[in-house]
C-alpha atoms as a PDB file:
ATOM      1  CA  MET A   1     -58.642  22.807   8.658  1.00  0.00           C
ATOM      2  CA  SER A   2     -56.641  20.421   6.486  1.00  0.00           C
ATOM      3  CA  GLN A   3     -57.640  19.352   3.027  1.00  0.00           C
ATOM      4  CA  ILE A   4     -58.873  15.860   2.320  1.00  0.00           C
ATOM      5  CA  LYS A   5     -56.115  13.890   0.608  1.00  0.00           C
ATOM      6  CA  HIS A   6     -56.539  10.651  -1.328  1.00  0.00           C
ATOM      7  CA  CYS A   7     -54.155   7.740  -1.998  1.00  0.00           C
ATOM      8  CA  ILE A   8     -52.635   7.935  -5.496  1.00  0.00           C
ATOM      9  CA  ILE A   9     -53.055   4.149  -5.941  1.00  0.00           C
ATOM     10  CA  CYS A  10     -56.440   3.143  -4.496  1.00  0.00           C
ATOM     11  CA  GLY A  11     -58.108   6.531  -3.782  1.00  0.00           C
ATOM     12  CA  LYS A  12     -58.700   6.025  -0.014  1.00  0.00           C
ATOM     13  CA  ASP A  13     -58.815   9.020   2.343  1.00  0.00           C
ATOM     14  CA  ILE A  14     -55.320   9.637   3.837  1.00  0.00           C
ATOM     15  CA  SER A  15     -56.017  12.924   5.708  1.00  0.00           C
ATOM     16  CA  ASP A  16     -54.958  11.300   8.997  1.00  0.00           C
ATOM     17  CA  ARG A  17     -51.429  10.561   7.697  1.00  0.00           C
ATOM     18  CA  GLN A  18     -48.479  12.958   7.587  1.00  0.00           C
ATOM     19  CA  SER A  19     -48.744  16.037   5.399  1.00  0.00           C
ATOM     20  CA  HIS A  20     -46.262  14.757   2.781  1.00  0.00           C
ATOM     21  CA  ALA A  21     -47.927  11.307   2.439  1.00  0.00           C
ATOM     22  CA  VAL A  22     -49.210  10.452  -1.028  1.00  0.00           C
ATOM     23  CA  MET A  23     -50.561   6.934  -0.468  1.00  0.00           C
ATOM     24  CA  CYS A  24     -52.149   4.798   2.212  1.00  0.00           C
ATOM     25  CA  ALA A  25     -50.283   2.330   4.449  1.00  0.00           C
ATOM     26  CA  SER A  26     -51.583  -0.881   2.863  1.00  0.00           C
ATOM     27  CA  LYS A  27     -48.976  -3.359   1.547  1.00  0.00           C
ATOM     28  CA  LYS A  28     -50.805  -3.671  -1.766  1.00  0.00           C
ATOM     29  CA  CYS A  29     -50.461   0.069  -2.467  1.00  0.00           C
ATOM     30  CA  GLN A  30     -46.813   0.132  -1.369  1.00  0.00           C
ATOM     31  CA  ASN A  31     -45.882  -2.791  -3.640  1.00  0.00           C
ATOM     32  CA  THR A  32     -47.797  -1.259  -6.564  1.00  0.00           C
ATOM     33  CA  ARG A  33     -45.926   2.043  -6.131  1.00  0.00           C
ATOM     34  CA  LYS A  34     -42.560   0.219  -6.037  1.00  0.00           C
ATOM     35  CA  ARG A  35     -43.369  -1.620  -9.271  1.00  0.00           C
ATOM     36  CA  ARG A  36     -44.452   1.608 -10.942  1.00  0.00           C
ATOM     37  CA  MET A  37     -41.269   3.432  -9.898  1.00  0.00           C
ATOM     38  CA  VAL A  38     -39.037   0.635 -11.208  1.00  0.00           C
ATOM     39  CA  ARG A  39     -40.951   0.530 -14.505  1.00  0.00           C
ATOM     40  CA  GLU A  40     -40.664   4.315 -14.909  1.00  0.00           C
ATOM     41  CA  ALA A  41     -36.950   4.255 -14.168  1.00  0.00           C
ATOM     42  CA  ARG A  42     -36.436   1.457 -16.695  1.00  0.00           C
ATOM     43  CA  GLN A  43     -38.434   3.247 -19.393  1.00  0.00           C
ATOM     44  CA  ALA A  44     -36.527   6.496 -18.882  1.00  0.00           C
ATOM     45  CA  THR A  45     -33.105   4.819 -19.215  1.00  0.00           C
ATOM     46  CA  ILE A  46     -31.297   5.890 -22.362  1.00  0.00           C
ATOM     47  CA  ILE A  47     -27.836   4.397 -22.781  1.00  0.00           C
ATOM     48  CA  LYS A  48     -25.163   4.107 -25.462  1.00  0.00           C
ATOM     49  CA  CYS A  49     -24.421   0.857 -27.242  1.00  0.00           C
ATOM     50  CA  HIS A  50     -21.013  -0.501 -26.189  1.00  0.00           C
ATOM     51  CA  VAL A  51     -20.174  -1.515 -29.761  1.00  0.00           C
ATOM     52  CA  CYS A  52     -21.461   1.184 -32.137  1.00  0.00           C
ATOM     53  CA  GLY A  53     -22.040   4.054 -29.672  1.00  0.00           C
ATOM     54  CA  LYS A  54     -25.649   4.660 -30.796  1.00  0.00           C
ATOM     55  CA  ALA A  55     -27.996   5.999 -28.075  1.00  0.00           C
ATOM     56  CA  PHE A  56     -31.116   3.881 -27.463  1.00  0.00           C
ATOM     57  CA  ARG A  57     -33.816   3.249 -24.868  1.00  0.00           C
ATOM     58  CA  ALA A  58     -32.907   0.139 -22.869  1.00  0.00           C
ATOM     59  CA  ARG A  59     -35.549  -2.595 -22.683  1.00  0.00           C
ATOM     60  CA  SER A  60     -34.053  -3.869 -19.422  1.00  0.00           C
ATOM     61  CA  ILE A  61     -31.635  -2.532 -16.877  1.00  0.00           C
ATOM     62  CA  ASN A  62     -28.936  -4.911 -18.160  1.00  0.00           C
ATOM     63  CA  GLY A  63     -29.374  -4.022 -21.843  1.00  0.00           C
ATOM     64  CA  ALA A  64     -25.966  -2.936 -23.149  1.00  0.00           C
ATOM     65  CA  TYR A  65     -26.412  -3.349 -26.914  1.00  0.00           C
ATOM     66  CA  CYS A  66     -28.784  -1.635 -29.357  1.00  0.00           C
ATOM     67  CA  GLY A  67     -29.597  -4.789 -31.316  1.00  0.00           C
ATOM     68  CA  PRO A  68     -28.730  -8.451 -31.871  1.00  0.00           C
ATOM     69  CA  ASP A  69     -25.893  -7.684 -34.311  1.00  0.00           C
ATOM     70  CA  CYS A  70     -24.060  -5.513 -31.778  1.00  0.00           C
ATOM     71  CA  ALA A  71     -24.818  -8.037 -29.038  1.00  0.00           C
ATOM     72  CA  VAL A  72     -23.056 -10.828 -30.986  1.00  0.00           C
ATOM     73  CA  ILE A  73     -20.023  -8.612 -31.644  1.00  0.00           C
ATOM     74  CA  GLY A  74     -19.901  -7.537 -27.975  1.00  0.00           C
ATOM     75  CA  LYS A  75     -20.163 -11.096 -26.647  1.00  0.00           C
ATOM     76  CA  ARG A  76     -17.319 -12.254 -28.940  1.00  0.00           C
ATOM     77  CA  ALA A  77     -15.141  -9.381 -27.713  1.00  0.00           C
ATOM     78  CA  GLN A  78     -15.837 -10.388 -24.104  1.00  0.00           C
ATOM     79  CA  GLU A  79     -14.939 -14.009 -24.844  1.00  0.00           C
ATOM     80  CA  LYS A  80     -11.611 -12.933 -26.359  1.00  0.00           C
ATOM     81  CA  VAL A  81     -10.785 -10.960 -23.216  1.00  0.00           C
ATOM     82  CA  HIS A  82     -11.634 -13.915 -20.979  1.00  0.00           C
ATOM     83  CA  ARG A  83      -9.667 -16.385 -23.128  1.00  0.00           C
ATOM     84  CA  GLN A  84      -6.389 -14.460 -22.974  1.00  0.00           C
ATOM     85  CA  PRO A  85      -3.625 -16.458 -21.261  1.00  0.00           C
ATOM     86  CA  LYS A  86      -2.650 -15.461 -17.774  1.00  0.00           C
ATOM     87  CA  PRO A  87       0.741 -13.788 -17.385  1.00  0.00           C
ATOM     88  CA  THR A  88       3.539 -16.194 -16.493  1.00  0.00           C
ATOM     89  CA  VAL A  89       4.945 -16.190 -12.993  1.00  0.00           C
ATOM     90  CA  PHE A  90       8.661 -15.405 -12.597  1.00  0.00           C
ATOM     91  CA  ASP A  91      10.423 -18.640 -11.655  1.00  0.00           C
ATOM     92  CA  GLY A  92      13.990 -17.300 -11.580  1.00  0.00           C
ATOM     93  CA  ILE A  93      16.196 -17.068  -8.529  1.00  0.00           C
ATOM     94  CA  ARG A  94      16.095 -13.732  -6.782  1.00  0.00           C
ATOM     95  CA  PRO A  95      19.160 -12.428  -4.891  1.00  0.00           C
ATOM     96  CA  ASP A  96      17.486 -12.882  -1.494  1.00  0.00           C
ATOM     97  CA  ASP A  97      16.330 -16.492  -2.114  1.00  0.00           C
ATOM     98  CA  TRP A  98      17.805 -19.243   0.081  1.00  0.00           C
ATOM     99  CA  THR A  99      20.016 -21.501  -2.047  1.00  0.00           C
ATOM    100  CA  GLN A 100      22.209 -24.535  -1.494  1.00  0.00           C
ATOM    101  CA  GLU A 101      25.339 -22.376  -1.871  1.00  0.00           C
ATOM    102  CA  LYS A 102      24.171 -20.069   0.915  1.00  0.00           C
ATOM    103  CA  TYR A 103      23.415 -23.078   3.109  1.00  0.00           C
ATOM    104  CA  GLU A 104      26.877 -24.558   2.534  1.00  0.00           C
ATOM    105  CA  ALA A 105      28.531 -21.183   3.235  1.00  0.00           C
ATOM    106  CA  GLN A 106      26.649 -20.935   6.525  1.00  0.00           C
ATOM    107  CA  GLU A 107      27.682 -24.476   7.490  1.00  0.00           C
ATOM    108  CA  GLU A 108      31.350 -23.633   6.789  1.00  0.00           C
ATOM    109  CA  MET A 109      31.061 -20.478   8.913  1.00  0.00           C
ATOM    110  CA  LEU A 110      29.659 -22.513  11.820  1.00  0.00           C
ATOM    111  CA  LYS A 111      32.643 -24.895  11.621  1.00  0.00           C
ATOM    112  CA  ALA A 112      35.287 -22.137  11.474  1.00  0.00           C
ATOM    113  CA  PRO A 113      36.939 -20.709  14.633  1.00  0.00           C
ATOM    114  CA  ASN A 114      35.435 -17.386  15.737  1.00  0.00           C
ATOM    115  CA  GLY A 115      38.432 -15.952  17.651  1.00  0.00           C
ATOM    116  CA  ARG A 116      37.177 -16.739  21.172  1.00  0.00           C
ATOM    117  CA  THR A 117      38.437 -19.374  23.615  1.00  0.00           C
ATOM    118  CA  CYS A 118      36.657 -21.568  26.154  1.00  0.00           C
ATOM    119  CA  GLN A 119      36.210 -19.909  29.571  1.00  0.00           C
ATOM    120  CA  TRP A 120      36.294 -23.184  31.517  1.00  0.00           C
ATOM    121  CA  ASP A 121      39.197 -23.247  34.011  1.00  0.00           C
ATOM    122  CA  GLY A 122      42.243 -24.791  32.338  1.00  0.00           C
ATOM    123  CA  CYS A 123      40.638 -25.152  28.886  1.00  0.00           C
ATOM    124  CA  ASP A 124      41.819 -22.742  26.187  1.00  0.00           C
ATOM    125  CA  GLU A 125      40.272 -24.523  23.221  1.00  0.00           C
ATOM    126  CA  PRO A 126      39.229 -22.137  20.404  1.00  0.00           C
ATOM    127  CA  LEU A 127      35.459 -21.753  20.002  1.00  0.00           C
ATOM    128  CA  ILE A 128      33.721 -22.286  16.674  1.00  0.00           C
ATOM    129  CA  GLY A 129      30.599 -20.822  15.039  1.00  0.00           C
ATOM    130  CA  ASN A 130      28.221 -18.971  17.354  1.00  0.00           C
ATOM    131  CA  ASP A 131      29.703 -20.353  20.613  1.00  0.00           C
ATOM    132  CA  ARG A 132      30.680 -17.517  22.971  1.00  0.00           C
ATOM    133  CA  PHE A 133      31.649 -19.028  26.340  1.00  0.00           C
ATOM    134  CA  HIS A 134      32.369 -22.783  26.357  1.00  0.00           C
ATOM    135  CA  CYS A 135      33.562 -25.447  23.964  1.00  0.00           C
ATOM    136  CA  VAL A 136      31.300 -28.364  23.014  1.00  0.00           C
ATOM    137  CA  VAL A 137      32.590 -30.618  25.824  1.00  0.00           C
ATOM    138  CA  HIS A 138      32.124 -27.985  28.519  1.00  0.00           C
ATOM    139  CA  GLN A 139      28.758 -26.847  27.156  1.00  0.00           C
ATOM    140  CA  ASN A 140      27.428 -30.342  27.883  1.00  0.00           C
ATOM    141  CA  ARG A 141      28.921 -30.277  31.414  1.00  0.00           C
ATOM    142  CA  CYS A 142      27.427 -26.827  32.096  1.00  0.00           C
ATOM    143  CA  THR A 143      24.024 -28.071  30.985  1.00  0.00           C
ATOM    144  CA  ILE A 144      24.232 -31.096  33.302  1.00  0.00           C
ATOM    145  CA  ILE A 145      25.336 -28.939  36.266  1.00  0.00           C
ATOM    146  CA  GLU A 146      22.588 -26.379  35.659  1.00  0.00           C
ATOM    147  CA  ALA A 147      19.970 -29.126  35.509  1.00  0.00           C
ATOM    148  CA  SER A 148      21.142 -30.661  38.802  1.00  0.00           C
ATOM    149  CA  VAL A 149      21.452 -27.287  40.585  1.00  0.00           C
ATOM    150  CA  LEU A 150      18.089 -25.981  39.461  1.00  0.00           C
ATOM    151  CA  HIS A 151      15.358 -27.362  41.711  1.00  0.00           C
ATOM    152  CA  ASP A 152      11.868 -26.585  42.858  1.00  0.00           C
ATOM    153  CA  GLY A 153      11.936 -23.919  45.567  1.00  0.00           C
ATOM    154  CA  GLY A 154       8.940 -25.365  47.408  1.00  0.00           C
ATOM    155  CA  GLY A 155       6.388 -23.328  49.287  1.00  0.00           C
ATOM    156  CA  ASP A 156       3.333 -21.696  47.816  1.00  0.00           C
ATOM    157  CA  THR A 157       5.106 -19.648  45.154  1.00  0.00           C
ATOM    158  CA  GLY A 158       6.088 -22.529  42.888  1.00  0.00           C
ATOM    159  CA  LYS A 159       9.115 -20.545  41.644  1.00  0.00           C
ATOM    160  CA  ARG A 160      12.458 -22.080  40.857  1.00  0.00           C
ATOM    161  CA  SER A 161      15.573 -20.931  42.663  1.00  0.00           C
ATOM    162  CA  TRP A 162      19.316 -21.407  42.309  1.00  0.00           C
ATOM    163  CA  VAL A 163      21.263 -23.232  44.989  1.00  0.00           C
ATOM    164  CA  ASN A 164      24.891 -22.266  45.473  1.00  0.00           C
ATOM    165  CA  ALA A 165      26.700 -25.166  43.772  1.00  0.00           C
ATOM    166  CA  MET A 166      30.257 -24.009  44.324  1.00  0.00           C
END
């Protein structure tokens, strides 16, 4: 037969609870135990002062200084740290930055001949910049022809198809 156990807070019989239970299930007893545990943990806290290094029993969890003199010194030190100026940001030009000179060089390259010629029948005009197949005049004509040749294929598919233009 099991022993009769009593709640450590209110003294009620807790024999019907689990074998490791030490208190009853009432909210009042649970809250009282929580308060007691926090108070015991706070009283047992021994920390070192951040300024002088002296060990002392903290009055609160946030207590970092042994007395008011050390607290004033510590607060001033924190203010100095927070008042330090932020490091300056580098405003110089890096080698990979886009500059006006790079823009002008790219514009000149796009105006220079690239060694290719127009592939339109009878036109051997040299191509410039990134053009690979047709000169400016024939590029416009190719665009117009492609737009007129490309039409809706009809039917249910809704796809476009090419019609033999030649």
